[in-house]
């Protein structure tokens, strides 16, 4: 099972992909746009690519 973990924020979000308990990928998604909707759209697009590329079956998101 591949898991995507997200530490979300409106300007930068940390992400990590795990296969079982092994870390496979990590990164920070950032956006400097002053438009909140453009920042969110960029983050959603990048997360969508990860879900597809790593065949994510579970998403863990911190409570904000």
Protein backbone atom coordinates (compact mmCIF):
# COMPACT_ATOMS: atom_id res chain seq x y z
CA UNK A 1 0.00 0.00 0.00
CA UNK A 2 1.35 3.44 -0.96
CA UNK A 3 0.56 6.32 1.38
CA UNK A 4 0.77 10.05 0.71
CA UNK A 5 1.28 12.20 3.80
CA UNK A 6 0.62 15.95 3.56
CA UNK A 7 1.55 18.75 5.98
CA UNK A 8 -0.65 21.40 4.37
CA UNK A 9 -0.30 25.16 4.35
CA UNK A 10 -1.44 27.85 1.94
CA UNK A 11 2.07 28.86 0.79
CA UNK A 12 4.09 25.68 1.22
CA UNK A 13 3.11 22.09 1.94
CA UNK A 14 5.39 19.24 2.88
CA UNK A 15 4.60 15.92 1.25
CA UNK A 16 5.96 12.41 1.69
CA UNK A 17 5.23 9.14 -0.09
CA UNK A 18 5.65 5.85 1.75
CA UNK A 19 5.51 2.28 0.48
CA UNK A 20 4.44 0.44 3.61
CA UNK A 21 6.91 1.95 6.13
CA UNK A 22 9.65 2.87 3.66
CA UNK A 23 10.01 6.51 2.58
CA UNK A 24 9.99 6.64 -1.24
CA UNK A 25 9.77 10.38 -1.97
CA UNK A 26 9.48 13.71 -0.19
CA UNK A 27 9.28 17.34 -1.24
CA UNK A 28 7.89 20.74 -0.39
CA UNK A 29 5.29 22.22 -2.72
CA UNK A 30 5.52 26.02 -2.72
CA UNK A 31 3.71 28.85 -4.40
CA UNK A 32 4.43 32.57 -4.14
CA UNK A 33 1.27 33.76 -5.90
CA UNK A 34 -0.74 36.37 -3.98
CA UNK A 35 -3.95 34.72 -5.21
CA UNK A 36 -5.06 32.06 -2.70
CA UNK A 37 -7.00 30.08 -5.33
CA UNK A 38 -3.98 29.92 -7.67
CA UNK A 39 -1.80 28.63 -4.79
CA UNK A 40 -4.34 25.96 -3.87
CA UNK A 41 -4.79 24.98 -7.53
CA UNK A 42 -1.01 24.51 -7.94
CA UNK A 43 -0.81 22.32 -4.83
CA UNK A 44 -3.80 20.21 -5.86
CA UNK A 45 -2.29 19.69 -9.33
CA UNK A 46 1.05 18.55 -7.89
CA UNK A 47 -0.63 16.24 -5.37
CA UNK A 48 -2.76 14.76 -8.16
CA UNK A 49 0.41 13.91 -10.13
CA UNK A 50 1.85 12.13 -7.06
CA UNK A 51 -1.36 10.15 -6.54
CA UNK A 52 -1.18 8.95 -10.14
CA UNK A 53 2.58 8.35 -10.35
CA UNK A 54 2.85 6.45 -7.06
CA UNK A 55 -0.52 4.69 -7.22
CA UNK A 56 -1.51 6.16 -3.84
CA UNK A 57 -4.14 4.16 -1.97
CA UNK A 58 -4.26 6.23 1.23
CA UNK A 59 -3.89 9.94 1.97
CA UNK A 60 -3.00 11.22 5.41
CA UNK A 61 -3.57 14.93 6.03
CA UNK A 62 -2.95 16.75 9.28
CA UNK A 63 -5.92 18.43 10.91
CA UNK A 64 -5.66 22.16 10.27
